[in-house]
C-alpha atoms as a PDB file:
ATOM      1  CA  MET A   1       0.000   0.000   0.000  1.00  0.00           C
ATOM      2  CA  PHE A   2       2.791   2.382   1.020  1.00  0.00           C
ATOM      3  CA  ARG A   3       4.757   1.550  -2.148  1.00  0.00           C
ATOM      4  CA  HIS A   4       1.695   2.190  -4.268  1.00  0.00           C
ATOM      5  CA  SER A   5       1.154   5.584  -2.628  1.00  0.00           C
ATOM      6  CA  CYS A   6       4.810   6.544  -3.152  1.00  0.00           C
ATOM      7  CA  LYS A   7       4.663   5.470  -6.776  1.00  0.00           C
ATOM      8  CA  THR A   8       1.467   7.465  -7.329  1.00  0.00           C
ATOM      9  CA  MET A   9       3.001  10.540  -5.693  1.00  0.00           C
ATOM     10  CA  MET A  10       6.167  10.277  -7.789  1.00  0.00           C
ATOM     11  CA  ASN A  11       4.124  10.013 -10.979  1.00  0.00           C
ATOM     12  CA  LYS A  12       2.188  13.137 -10.002  1.00  0.00           C
ATOM     13  CA  MET A  13       5.404  15.025  -9.189  1.00  0.00           C
ATOM     14  CA  LEU A  14       6.886  13.953 -12.534  1.00  0.00           C
ATOM     15  CA  ALA A  15       3.802  15.173 -14.370  1.00  0.00           C
ATOM     16  CA  VAL A  16       3.933  18.512 -12.549  1.00  0.00           C
ATOM     17  CA  GLY A  17       7.638  18.792 -13.389  1.00  0.00           C
ATOM     18  CA  VAL A  18       6.994  18.236 -17.072  1.00  0.00           C
ATOM     19  CA  VAL A  19       4.277  20.908 -17.057  1.00  0.00           C
ATOM     20  CA  VAL A  20       6.622  23.361 -15.317  1.00  0.00           C
ATOM     21  CA  VAL A  21       9.435  22.714 -17.827  1.00  0.00           C
ATOM     22  CA  ILE A  22       7.070  23.171 -20.773  1.00  0.00           C
ATOM     23  CA  GLY A  23       5.782  26.372 -19.180  1.00  0.00           C
ATOM     24  CA  LEU A  24       9.283  27.726 -18.715  1.00  0.00           C
ATOM     25  CA  MET A  25      10.142  26.864 -22.315  1.00  0.00           C
ATOM     26  CA  PHE A  26       7.035  28.715 -23.523  1.00  0.00           C
ATOM     27  CA  ILE A  27       7.851  31.770 -21.412  1.00  0.00           C
ATOM     28  CA  SER A  28      11.444  31.730 -22.654  1.00  0.00           C
ATOM     29  CA  THR A  29      10.366  31.422 -26.299  1.00  0.00           C
ATOM     30  CA  LYS A  30       7.808  34.161 -25.843  1.00  0.00           C
ATOM     31  CA  GLY A  31      10.464  36.369 -24.279  1.00  0.00           C
ATOM     32  CA  VAL A  32      12.847  35.794 -27.179  1.00  0.00           C
ATOM     33  CA  ALA A  33      10.097  36.585 -29.677  1.00  0.00           C
ATOM     34  CA  ALA A  34       9.187  39.748 -27.773  1.00  0.00           C
ATOM     35  CA  GLU A  35      12.837  40.746 -27.628  1.00  0.00           C
ATOM     36  CA  LYS A  36      13.181  40.227 -31.388  1.00  0.00           C
ATOM     37  CA  GLU A  37      10.083  42.309 -32.038  1.00  0.00           C
ATOM     38  CA  SER A  38      11.458  45.101 -29.863  1.00  0.00           C
ATOM     39  CA  HIS A  39      14.344  45.540 -32.304  1.00  0.00           C
ATOM     40  CA  GLY A  40      12.005  46.449 -35.153  1.00  0.00           C
ATOM     41  CA  VAL A  41      10.385  49.689 -36.290  1.00  0.00           C
ATOM     42  CA  ASP A  42       8.958  50.514 -32.854  1.00  0.00           C
ATOM     43  CA  ASN A  43      12.424  50.456 -31.352  1.00  0.00           C
ATOM     44  CA  VAL A  44      13.797  52.704 -34.108  1.00  0.00           C
ATOM     45  CA  ASN A  45      10.983  55.177 -33.502  1.00  0.00           C
ATOM     46  CA  LYS A  46      12.028  55.428 -29.845  1.00  0.00           C
ATOM     47  CA  LEU A  47      15.570  56.483 -30.726  1.00  0.00           C
ATOM     48  CA  LYS A  48      16.204  60.201 -30.246  1.00  0.00           C
ATOM     49  CA  TYR A  49      18.638  60.550 -33.144  1.00  0.00           C
ATOM     50  CA  ALA A  50      17.264  58.248 -35.852  1.00  0.00           C
ATOM     51  CA  ASP A  51      16.064  60.831 -38.372  1.00  0.00           C
ATOM     52  CA  PRO A  52      18.373  59.628 -41.210  1.00  0.00           C
ATOM     53  CA  VAL A  53      17.005  56.093 -40.795  1.00  0.00           C
ATOM     54  CA  LYS A  54      13.403  57.244 -40.494  1.00  0.00           C
ATOM     55  CA  ASP A  55      13.848  59.146 -43.762  1.00  0.00           C
ATOM     56  CA  ILE A  56      13.961  55.860 -45.706  1.00  0.00           C
ATOM     57  CA  HIS A  57      10.885  55.964 -47.915  1.00  0.00           C
ATOM     58  CA  LEU A  58      11.532  53.588 -50.818  1.00  0.00           C
ATOM     59  CA  TYR A  59      12.230  49.859 -51.090  1.00  0.00           C
ATOM     60  CA  LEU A  60      13.596  48.476 -54.361  1.00  0.00           C
ATOM     61  CA  CYS A  61      14.652  44.974 -55.330  1.00  0.00           C
ATOM     62  CA  ALA A  62      16.932  44.217 -58.271  1.00  0.00           C
ATOM     63  CA  PHE A  63      20.248  42.528 -59.057  1.00  0.00           C
ATOM     64  CA  HIS A  64      23.859  43.675 -58.984  1.00  0.00           C
ATOM     65  CA  ILE A  65      26.715  42.371 -61.109  1.00  0.00           C
ATOM     66  CA  ALA A  66      30.379  42.746 -60.170  1.00  0.00           C
ATOM     67  CA  LYS A  67      31.880  45.055 -62.779  1.00  0.00           C
ATOM     68  CA  ASN A  68      35.200  43.170 -62.729  1.00  0.00           C
ATOM     69  CA  ASN A  69      33.440  39.785 -62.918  1.00  0.00           C
ATOM     70  CA  PRO A  70      30.053  39.790 -64.721  1.00  0.00           C
ATOM     71  CA  ASN A  71      29.479  36.145 -63.736  1.00  0.00           C
ATOM     72  CA  PHE A  72      29.094  37.211 -60.094  1.00  0.00           C
ATOM     73  CA  THR A  73      25.528  38.381 -59.440  1.00  0.00           C
ATOM     74  CA  VAL A  74      23.753  39.285 -56.201  1.00  0.00           C
ATOM     75  CA  GLU A  75      20.100  39.829 -55.335  1.00  0.00           C
ATOM     76  CA  ALA A  76      20.038  43.343 -53.889  1.00  0.00           C
ATOM     77  CA  HIS A  77      17.416  44.802 -51.566  1.00  0.00           C
ATOM     78  CA  HIS A  78      17.586  48.620 -51.525  1.00  0.00           C
ATOM     79  CA  TYR A  79      16.247  50.839 -48.724  1.00  0.00           C
ATOM     80  CA  CYS A  80      16.448  54.424 -49.954  1.00  0.00           C
ATOM     81  CA  SER A  81      16.110  57.988 -48.728  1.00  0.00           C
ATOM     82  CA  MET A  82      16.288  61.219 -50.730  1.00  0.00           C
ATOM     83  CA  ARG A  83      18.655  64.153 -50.520  1.00  0.00           C
ATOM     84  CA  ASN A  84      18.317  67.332 -52.587  1.00  0.00           C
ATOM     85  CA  LEU A  85      21.446  68.659 -54.289  1.00  0.00           C
ATOM     86  CA  ASN A  86      22.260  72.290 -54.870  1.00  0.00           C
ATOM     87  CA  ILE A  87      22.395  71.756 -58.619  1.00  0.00           C
ATOM     88  CA  GLN A  88      19.758  71.779 -61.341  1.00  0.00           C
ATOM     89  CA  GLY A  89      17.975  68.430 -61.652  1.00  0.00           C
ATOM     90  CA  GLY A  90      19.680  67.398 -58.458  1.00  0.00           C
ATOM     91  CA  ASP A  91      17.651  64.819 -56.552  1.00  0.00           C
ATOM     92  CA  LEU A  92      19.900  62.157 -55.056  1.00  0.00           C
ATOM     93  CA  HIS A  93      18.643  58.842 -53.713  1.00  0.00           C
ATOM     94  CA  GLN A  94      20.973  57.120 -51.261  1.00  0.00           C
ATOM     95  CA  CYS A  95      20.294  53.472 -50.567  1.00  0.00           C
ATOM     96  CA  ILE A  96      21.397  50.880 -48.044  1.00  0.00           C
ATOM     97  CA  ILE A  97      21.796  47.475 -49.727  1.00  0.00           C
ATOM     98  CA  TYR A  98      20.949  44.185 -47.987  1.00  0.00           C
ATOM     99  CA  ASP A  99      21.078  40.606 -49.265  1.00  0.00           C
ATOM    100  CA  SER A 100      17.533  39.891 -48.051  1.00  0.00           C
ATOM    101  CA  LYS A 101      14.278  41.552 -47.083  1.00  0.00           C
ATOM    102  CA  GLU A 102      14.154  39.355 -43.978  1.00  0.00           C
ATOM    103  CA  ALA A 103      16.023  40.120 -40.750  1.00  0.00           C
ATOM    104  CA  PRO A 104      18.753  39.467 -39.870  1.00  0.00           C
ATOM    105  CA  ALA A 105      20.202  40.381 -43.284  1.00  0.00           C
ATOM    106  CA  ARG A 106      23.737  41.129 -44.410  1.00  0.00           C
ATOM    107  CA  LEU A 107      24.356  44.824 -45.059  1.00  0.00           C
ATOM    108  CA  LEU A 108      26.118  44.464 -48.413  1.00  0.00           C
ATOM    109  CA  GLY A 109      26.864  48.081 -49.254  1.00  0.00           C
ATOM    110  CA  ILE A 110      25.474  51.343 -50.596  1.00  0.00           C
ATOM    111  CA  GLU A 111      24.092  52.815 -53.806  1.00  0.00           C
ATOM    112  CA  TYR A 112      23.664  56.433 -54.841  1.00  0.00           C
ATOM    113  CA  ILE A 113      21.184  57.238 -57.635  1.00  0.00           C
ATOM    114  CA  ILE A 114      21.273  60.433 -59.704  1.00  0.00           C
ATOM    115  CA  SER A 115      19.467  61.777 -62.750  1.00  0.00           C
ATOM    116  CA  ASN A 116      20.904  61.618 -66.256  1.00  0.00           C
ATOM    117  CA  GLU A 117      21.177  65.410 -66.205  1.00  0.00           C
ATOM    118  CA  THR A 118      23.440  65.249 -63.151  1.00  0.00           C
ATOM    119  CA  TYR A 119      25.396  62.291 -64.540  1.00  0.00           C
ATOM    120  CA  GLN A 120      26.238  64.091 -67.774  1.00  0.00           C
ATOM    121  CA  LYS A 121      27.922  66.863 -65.781  1.00  0.00           C
ATOM    122  CA  LEU A 122      30.286  64.471 -64.011  1.00  0.00           C
ATOM    123  CA  PRO A 123      34.016  64.411 -64.901  1.00  0.00           C
ATOM    124  CA  ALA A 124      34.923  61.683 -67.401  1.00  0.00           C
ATOM    125  CA  GLU A 125      37.047  59.876 -64.814  1.00  0.00           C
ATOM    126  CA  GLU A 126      34.083  59.687 -62.420  1.00  0.00           C
ATOM    127  CA  LYS A 127      31.578  58.253 -64.919  1.00  0.00           C
ATOM    128  CA  LYS A 128      33.173  54.788 -64.915  1.00  0.00           C
ATOM    129  CA  TYR A 129      31.711  54.186 -61.444  1.00  0.00           C
ATOM    130  CA  TRP A 130      28.088  54.777 -62.500  1.00  0.00           C
ATOM    131  CA  HIS A 131      25.809  52.151 -64.052  1.00  0.00           C
ATOM    132  CA  PRO A 132      22.525  52.676 -65.969  1.00  0.00           C
ATOM    133  CA  HIS A 133      19.056  51.430 -64.983  1.00  0.00           C
ATOM    134  CA  ALA A 134      17.205  51.455 -68.312  1.00  0.00           C
ATOM    135  CA  TYR A 135      17.451  47.730 -69.054  1.00  0.00           C
ATOM    136  CA  GLU A 136      16.484  46.427 -65.618  1.00  0.00           C
ATOM    137  CA  ILE A 137      13.442  48.707 -65.515  1.00  0.00           C
ATOM    138  CA  ILE A 138      12.136  47.915 -69.010  1.00  0.00           C
ATOM    139  CA  ALA A 139      12.911  44.187 -68.631  1.00  0.00           C
ATOM    140  CA  GLY A 140      10.947  43.976 -65.365  1.00  0.00           C
ATOM    141  CA  GLN A 141      13.959  43.141 -63.197  1.00  0.00           C
ATOM    142  CA  LEU A 142      13.779  46.233 -60.989  1.00  0.00           C
ATOM    143  CA  ILE A 143      10.678  46.243 -58.808  1.00  0.00           C
ATOM    144  CA  VAL A 144       9.045  48.305 -56.047  1.00  0.00           C
ATOM    145  CA  PRO A 145       7.326  45.579 -53.985  1.00  0.00           C
ATOM    146  CA  ASP A 146       5.366  48.005 -51.778  1.00  0.00           C
ATOM    147  CA  LEU A 147       3.397  49.236 -54.794  1.00  0.00           C
ATOM    148  CA  SER A 148       0.560  47.186 -56.243  1.00  0.00           C
ATOM    149  CA  ASP A 149       1.957  47.500 -59.777  1.00  0.00           C
ATOM    150  CA  MET A 150       5.514  46.665 -58.628  1.00  0.00           C
ATOM    151  CA  GLY A 151       6.630  50.119 -59.722  1.00  0.00           C
ATOM    152  CA  ASP A 152       5.453  50.159 -63.346  1.00  0.00           C
ATOM    153  CA  LYS A 153       4.429  53.837 -63.072  1.00  0.00           C
ATOM    154  CA  ALA A 154       6.913  55.073 -60.474  1.00  0.00           C
ATOM    155  CA  LEU A 155       9.989  53.647 -62.193  1.00  0.00           C
ATOM    156  CA  GLU A 156       9.378  55.465 -65.462  1.00  0.00           C
ATOM    157  CA  GLY A 157      10.987  58.512 -63.836  1.00  0.00           C
ATOM    158  CA  PHE A 158      14.107  56.438 -63.056  1.00  0.00           C
ATOM    159  CA  MET A 159      14.490  55.201 -66.632  1.00  0.00           C
ATOM    160  CA  THR A 160      17.566  57.267 -67.476  1.00  0.00           C
ATOM    161  CA  SER A 161      18.970  57.464 -63.930  1.00  0.00           C
ATOM    162  CA  TRP A 162      22.429  56.218 -62.938  1.00  0.00           C
ATOM    163  CA  GLY A 163      23.648  54.389 -59.840  1.00  0.00           C
ATOM    164  CA  LYS A 164      27.006  54.215 -58.075  1.00  0.00           C
ATOM    165  CA  THR A 165      27.279  51.052 -56.000  1.00  0.00           C
ATOM    166  CA  PHE A 166      29.987  49.577 -53.832  1.00  0.00           C
ATOM    167  CA  HIS A 167      29.544  46.385 -51.842  1.00  0.00           C
ATOM    168  CA  THR A 168      31.654  46.423 -48.688  1.00  0.00           C
ATOM    169  CA  TRP A 169      30.520  42.811 -48.053  1.00  0.00           C
ATOM    170  CA  PRO A 170      31.745  41.459 -51.410  1.00  0.00           C
ATOM    171  CA  ASP A 171      30.790  37.805 -50.891  1.00  0.00           C
ATOM    172  CA  PRO A 172      27.437  37.264 -49.097  1.00  0.00           C
ATOM    173  CA  SER A 173      28.332  33.609 -48.457  1.00  0.00           C
ATOM    174  CA  THR A 174      30.915  34.618 -45.818  1.00  0.00           C
ATOM    175  CA  GLU A 175      30.000  35.133 -42.162  1.00  0.00           C
ATOM    176  CA  ILE A 176      31.867  38.442 -41.977  1.00  0.00           C
ATOM    177  CA  PRO A 177      32.722  40.944 -44.758  1.00  0.00           C
ATOM    178  CA  LEU A 178      36.080  40.023 -46.254  1.00  0.00           C
ATOM    179  CA  GLY A 179      38.264  41.776 -48.819  1.00  0.00           C
ATOM    180  CA  GLU A 180      38.149  45.100 -50.579  1.00  0.00           C
ATOM    181  CA  PRO A 181      34.903  46.912 -51.529  1.00  0.00           C
ATOM    182  CA  LEU A 182      33.537  45.683 -54.845  1.00  0.00           C
ATOM    183  CA  LEU A 183      32.301  48.012 -57.586  1.00  0.00           C
ATOM    184  CA  MET A 184      28.940  46.687 -58.748  1.00  0.00           C
ATOM    185  CA  TRP A 185      27.108  47.080 -62.066  1.00  0.00           C
ATOM    186  CA  SER A 186      23.677  46.438 -63.550  1.00  0.00           C
ATOM    187  CA  ALA A 187      22.403  44.075 -66.207  1.00  0.00           C
ATOM    188  CA  GLY A 188      22.230  45.661 -69.664  1.00  0.00           C
ATOM    189  CA  ALA A 189      20.746  42.896 -71.821  1.00  0.00           C
ATOM    190  CA  ASP A 190      18.948  39.555 -71.704  1.00  0.00           C
ATOM    191  CA  GLY A 191      20.907  36.611 -70.345  1.00  0.00           C
ATOM    192  CA  GLN A 192      23.129  38.585 -67.980  1.00  0.00           C
ATOM    193  CA  ILE A 193      20.945  37.555 -65.021  1.00  0.00           C
ATOM    194  CA  SER A 194      20.169  33.823 -65.047  1.00  0.00           C
ATOM    195  CA  LYS A 195      16.613  32.489 -65.213  1.00  0.00           C
ATOM    196  CA  GLU A 196      17.222  30.595 -61.950  1.00  0.00           C
ATOM    197  CA  THR A 197      18.126  33.841 -60.178  1.00  0.00           C
ATOM    198  CA  LEU A 198      15.063  35.600 -61.569  1.00  0.00           C
ATOM    199  CA  ASP A 199      12.758  32.714 -60.669  1.00  0.00           C
ATOM    200  CA  LYS A 200      14.074  32.667 -57.098  1.00  0.00           C
ATOM    201  CA  ARG A 201      13.318  36.366 -56.663  1.00  0.00           C
ATOM    202  CA  ASP A 202       9.917  36.093 -58.364  1.00  0.00           C
ATOM    203  CA  LYS A 203       8.886  33.284 -56.027  1.00  0.00           C
ATOM    204  CA  GLN A 204       9.531  35.483 -52.987  1.00  0.00           C
ATOM    205  CA  PHE A 205       7.104  38.126 -54.182  1.00  0.00           C
ATOM    206  CA  GLY A 206       4.647  35.989 -56.125  1.00  0.00           C
ATOM    207  CA  ILE A 207       5.364  37.810 -59.385  1.00  0.00           C
ATOM    208  CA  SER A 208       6.515  37.087 -62.922  1.00  0.00           C
ATOM    209  CA  THR A 209       9.387  39.095 -64.409  1.00  0.00           C
ATOM    210  CA  GLU A 210       8.146  38.144 -67.880  1.00  0.00           C
ATOM    211  CA  LYS A 211       4.692  39.584 -67.165  1.00  0.00           C
ATOM    212  CA  LEU A 212       6.235  42.744 -65.752  1.00  0.00           C
ATOM    213  CA  ARG A 213       8.351  43.041 -68.885  1.00  0.00           C
ATOM    214  CA  GLU A 214       5.220  42.734 -71.013  1.00  0.00           C
ATOM    215  CA  ARG A 215       3.417  45.401 -68.963  1.00  0.00           C
ATOM    216  CA  ARG A 216       6.341  47.793 -69.211  1.00  0.00           C
ATOM    217  CA  LYS A 217       5.908  48.038 -72.938  1.00  0.00           C
ATOM    218  CA  ILE A 218       3.745  51.001 -71.923  1.00  0.00           C
ATOM    219  CA  TYR A 219       6.997  53.007 -71.840  1.00  0.00           C
ATOM    220  CA  GLY A 220       7.216  52.590 -75.618  1.00  0.00           C
ATOM    221  CA  TYR A 221      10.856  51.423 -75.804  1.00  0.00           C
ATOM    222  CA  GLN A 222      12.601  48.333 -77.091  1.00  0.00           C
ATOM    223  CA  VAL A 223      14.464  46.374 -74.392  1.00  0.00           C
ATOM    224  CA  PRO A 224      18.078  47.696 -74.318  1.00  0.00           C
ATOM    225  CA  LYS A 225      20.956  45.535 -75.552  1.00  0.00           C
ATOM    226  CA  VAL A 226      24.163  46.573 -73.812  1.00  0.00           C
ATOM    227  CA  GLU A 227      27.060  44.154 -73.398  1.00  0.00           C
ATOM    228  CA  VAL A 228      28.708  43.666 -69.999  1.00  0.00           C
ATOM    229  CA  PRO A 229      31.727  45.944 -69.422  1.00  0.00           C
ATOM    230  CA  LYS A 230      34.996  44.692 -70.869  1.00  0.00           C
ATOM    231  CA  SER A 231      36.957  46.437 -68.124  1.00  0.00           C
ATOM    232  CA  VAL A 232      36.336  48.370 -64.907  1.00  0.00           C
ATOM    233  CA  ASP A 233      37.318  51.563 -66.732  1.00  0.00           C
ATOM    234  CA  GLU A 234      34.614  51.261 -69.387  1.00  0.00           C
ATOM    235  CA  ILE A 235      31.885  53.890 -69.160  1.00  0.00           C
ATOM    236  CA  GLY A 236      28.309  52.649 -69.024  1.00  0.00           C
ATOM    237  CA  ARG A 237      25.754  52.878 -71.823  1.00  0.00           C
ATOM    238  CA  GLN A 238      21.987  52.909 -71.385  1.00  0.00           C
ATOM    239  CA  TRP A 239      20.524  51.550 -74.612  1.00  0.00           C
ATOM    240  CA  THR A 240      23.000  50.071 -77.095  1.00  0.00           C
ATOM    241  CA  SER A 241      26.603  48.857 -77.107  1.00  0.00           C
ATOM    242  CA  LYS A 242      27.478  50.695 -80.329  1.00  0.00           C
ATOM    243  CA  GLY A 243      26.498  53.849 -82.147  1.00  0.00           C
ATOM    244  CA  PRO A 244      24.439  56.658 -80.624  1.00  0.00           C
ATOM    245  CA  ASP A 245      23.303  55.659 -77.143  1.00  0.00           C
ATOM    246  CA  LYS A 246      19.622  56.338 -77.719  1.00  0.00           C
ATOM    247  CA  PRO A 247      16.477  54.242 -77.175  1.00  0.00           C
ATOM    248  CA  GLU A 248      14.696  52.466 -79.982  1.00  0.00           C
ATOM    249  CA  LYS A 249      10.930  52.959 -80.062  1.00  0.00           C
ATOM    250  CA  LEU A 250       8.567  49.988 -80.115  1.00  0.00           C
ATOM    251  CA  LYS A 251       6.980  49.453 -83.502  1.00  0.00           C
END
């Protein structure tokens, strides 16, 4: 009888112990989740000196190509703010580049975006750092995921813009940023970004680059055909590899 009572009591104590452990695990998990949430937008809004970060108003997703190695491509998530320049036609977008839209993400580098009017006034030696955006917009590769049309209307104003991009985390597969900053470029023609890379991005957002490309015929231009740079000193072209660098109208 005594043994039975002891056994029953031990079973009850074991059951209570299991419940307590599960409860502690739940509380711990909940605490971790709450802690993670506290590092989001609400936490940024509580910072006294976060105005430059709060000024981010635009999210873009596209692809970057290493200018010295066109076979190296990276999916690039841009978080951009705007700064006005004291020159005519002088809006400047400055973007923080991450390798993902999900936290925690690697901060790959930065991109500055200027108008064609501003670009044309740059010294010749400076222009080699700036890549065009015409192809990736018309081909549907550059998107604005926060807009219902993925940026079809908004991006028309960026058609002839130029970007200067350096990745200070050159290889996103490493756990820490290694090596020198890498000058990045943009795609200028079909085939420079692989179908597998495009499909992977499209799956994230539930979109089709091909359908976007079809919709963006509303701009009235043929898709640009610009070869990848032959050297890091080559200056970018927006529409064609040879002849006058001007767009060809859709027929």
